[in-house]
Amino acid sequence: MSCIPGRLSRIEVSFDNGTTYINLGGVVDSGLNGNVDELECTTHDSNGVRQYVPNHQDFTADATLRWDESDPGQVGLLYTLFPNPSSFKMKFYFEGVVGRRQFQADAFLTSWSPSTPLDDAAGLDVSLRLSNTTIGVVA
């Protein structure tokens, strides 16, 4: 088994419907969260055992960033909130090299939280709701 260092992951965002992607700078920590709904299919013929089948999937992503007003990715996220919330395209890589998995989705911000701690660098926590999530391989 080989390990993939988490520090090699990255998020890319596109604000022009996927024509160009730019790196989201300042990422300290990121994660992709997936869920699958379940449908209960238990009947009188199930021999007293509950039965389930998978249903719809849903995905979210979270990231902790170092605040950087000069980073085009962070500025782009800000402008998806103001003046009116809008969606954008995103890619999530565990490791950005040829042959590794990548997740692509339509996204919008559900949470955007800048922070100014006394004893640390300014930060930005974001949460994204993903739609039309697909998995592919970095070409």
Protein backbone atom coordinates (compact mmCIF):
# COMPACT_ATOMS: atom_id res chain seq x y z
CA MET A 1 0.00 0.00 0.00
CA SER A 2 1.32 3.43 -0.85
CA CYS A 3 0.35 6.59 0.99
CA ILE A 4 -0.52 9.85 -0.73
CA PRO A 5 0.59 12.91 1.23
CA GLY A 6 -2.46 15.07 1.96
CA ARG A 7 -0.42 18.21 1.33
CA LEU A 8 -0.47 17.41 -2.38
CA SER A 9 -4.23 17.76 -2.72
CA ARG A 10 -5.71 20.80 -4.38
CA ILE A 11 -8.95 22.44 -5.43
CA GLU A 12 -9.39 24.15 -8.77
CA VAL A 13 -12.30 26.47 -9.54
CA SER A 14 -13.81 27.80 -12.76
CA PHE A 15 -15.99 30.88 -12.97
CA ASP A 16 -16.48 30.67 -16.76
CA ASN A 17 -18.48 27.40 -16.92
CA GLY A 18 -15.42 25.16 -17.06
CA THR A 19 -13.51 26.82 -19.89
CA THR A 20 -10.56 27.63 -17.61
CA TYR A 21 -9.73 26.38 -14.12
CA ILE A 22 -7.55 28.18 -11.60
CA ASN A 23 -5.96 26.86 -8.44
CA LEU A 24 -7.66 27.86 -5.19
CA GLY A 25 -4.71 29.27 -3.28
CA GLY A 26 -3.97 29.19 0.42
CA VAL A 27 -5.50 25.76 1.11
CA VAL A 28 -4.45 24.45 4.53
CA ASP A 29 -6.94 21.61 4.83
CA SER A 30 -9.68 20.25 2.56
CA GLY A 31 -12.10 17.39 2.48
CA LEU A 32 -14.74 15.83 0.27
CA ASN A 33 -17.85 14.41 1.99
CA GLY A 34 -20.11 11.90 0.27
CA ASN A 35 -23.37 10.29 1.34
CA VAL A 36 -25.72 7.76 -0.18
CA ASP A 37 -29.38 7.79 0.80
CA GLU A 38 -30.94 4.44 1.58
CA LEU A 39 -34.38 3.12 0.84
CA GLU A 40 -35.91 0.53 3.10
CA CYS A 41 -37.41 -2.37 1.15
CA THR A 42 -38.45 -4.63 4.03
CA THR A 43 -41.60 -6.70 3.45
CA HIS A 44 -43.38 -9.54 5.19
CA ASP A 45 -41.28 -11.83 2.98
CA SER A 46 -37.97 -10.51 4.42
CA ASN A 47 -37.78 -13.17 7.16
CA GLY A 48 -37.69 -10.56 9.92
CA VAL A 49 -34.59 -8.89 8.50
CA ARG A 50 -34.64 -5.29 7.31
CA GLN A 51 -33.56 -4.82 3.71
CA TYR A 52 -32.14 -1.67 2.11
CA VAL A 53 -31.01 -0.50 -1.32
CA PRO A 54 -28.85 2.51 -2.19
CA ASN A 55 -30.55 5.60 -3.58
CA HIS A 56 -29.34 9.13 -4.38
CA GLN A 57 -25.85 10.45 -3.63
CA ASP A 58 -24.96 13.86 -2.31
CA PHE A 59 -21.58 15.55 -1.85
CA THR A 60 -20.15 18.52 -0.02
CA ALA A 61 -16.61 19.86 0.26
CA ASP A 62 -14.95 21.85 3.02
CA ALA A 63 -11.71 23.83 3.00
CA THR A 64 -9.68 25.85 5.43
CA LEU A 65 -7.66 28.56 3.69
CA ARG A 66 -5.14 31.23 4.60
CA TRP A 67 -6.79 34.53 3.68
CA ASP A 68 -5.18 35.98 0.54
CA GLU A 69 -6.93 38.89 -1.17
CA SER A 70 -4.54 38.62 -4.12
CA ASP A 71 -5.46 35.00 -4.88
CA PRO A 72 -7.77 34.86 -7.94
CA GLY A 73 -9.50 31.70 -6.66
CA GLN A 74 -10.40 33.25 -3.31
CA VAL A 75 -11.52 36.50 -4.96
CA GLY A 76 -13.66 34.47 -7.39
CA LEU A 77 -15.36 32.68 -4.49
CA LEU A 78 -16.14 36.03 -2.89
CA TYR A 79 -17.83 37.22 -6.08
CA THR A 80 -20.00 34.09 -6.23
CA LEU A 81 -21.58 35.36 -3.00
CA PHE A 82 -21.90 39.07 -3.76
CA PRO A 83 -24.08 40.63 -5.00
CA ASN A 84 -26.10 37.46 -5.73
CA PRO A 85 -25.16 33.85 -4.91
CA SER A 86 -24.15 31.86 -7.98
CA SER A 87 -22.62 28.51 -8.81
CA PHE A 88 -19.27 27.64 -10.34
CA LYS A 89 -17.35 24.54 -11.45
CA MET A 90 -14.75 22.87 -9.26
CA LYS A 91 -12.25 20.02 -9.31
CA PHE A 92 -10.89 18.25 -6.23
CA TYR A 93 -7.66 16.24 -6.46
CA PHE A 94 -6.09 14.06 -3.82
CA GLU A 95 -2.82 14.41 -5.68
CA GLY A 96 -2.54 16.48 -8.85
CA VAL A 97 -0.54 14.18 -11.06
CA VAL A 98 -1.37 12.20 -14.19
CA GLY A 99 -3.27 9.01 -13.41
CA ARG A 100 -4.68 10.08 -10.04
CA ARG A 101 -8.38 10.44 -9.27
CA GLN A 102 -10.15 13.75 -9.57
CA PHE A 103 -13.68 14.75 -8.62
CA GLN A 104 -15.52 17.35 -10.71
CA ALA A 105 -18.76 19.09 -9.77
CA ASP A 106 -20.94 22.13 -10.01
CA ALA A 107 -20.65 23.95 -6.69
CA PHE A 108 -21.93 26.85 -4.67
CA LEU A 109 -20.89 28.23 -1.29
CA THR A 110 -23.10 27.29 1.64
CA SER A 111 -20.76 28.76 4.24
CA TRP A 112 -18.05 31.42 4.00
CA SER A 113 -16.34 32.38 7.24
CA PRO A 114 -13.28 34.66 7.38
CA SER A 115 -11.37 34.74 10.68
CA THR A 116 -8.86 37.13 12.21
CA PRO A 117 -7.26 35.36 15.18
CA LEU A 118 -5.02 37.21 17.60
CA ASP A 119 -2.13 34.76 17.36
CA ASP A 120 -2.35 33.29 13.86
CA ALA A 121 -2.68 34.21 10.20
CA ALA A 122 -6.06 35.36 8.92
CA GLY A 123 -8.12 32.46 7.64
CA LEU A 124 -11.13 31.59 5.58
CA ASP A 125 -13.30 28.51 6.07
CA VAL A 126 -15.62 27.55 3.22
CA SER A 127 -18.23 24.84 2.71
CA LEU A 128 -19.50 23.91 -0.73
CA ARG A 129 -22.59 22.03 -1.89
CA LEU A 130 -21.78 19.93 -4.95
CA SER A 131 -24.08 18.86 -7.78
CA ASN A 132 -23.48 16.60 -10.77
CA THR A 133 -20.40 15.14 -9.09
CA THR A 134 -18.31 12.84 -11.28
CA ILE A 135 -15.06 11.01 -10.74
CA GLY A 136 -12.36 10.78 -13.36
CA VAL A 137 -8.63 10.44 -13.77
CA VAL A 138 -6.19 13.32 -14.23
CA ALA A 139 -5.09 13.19 -17.87
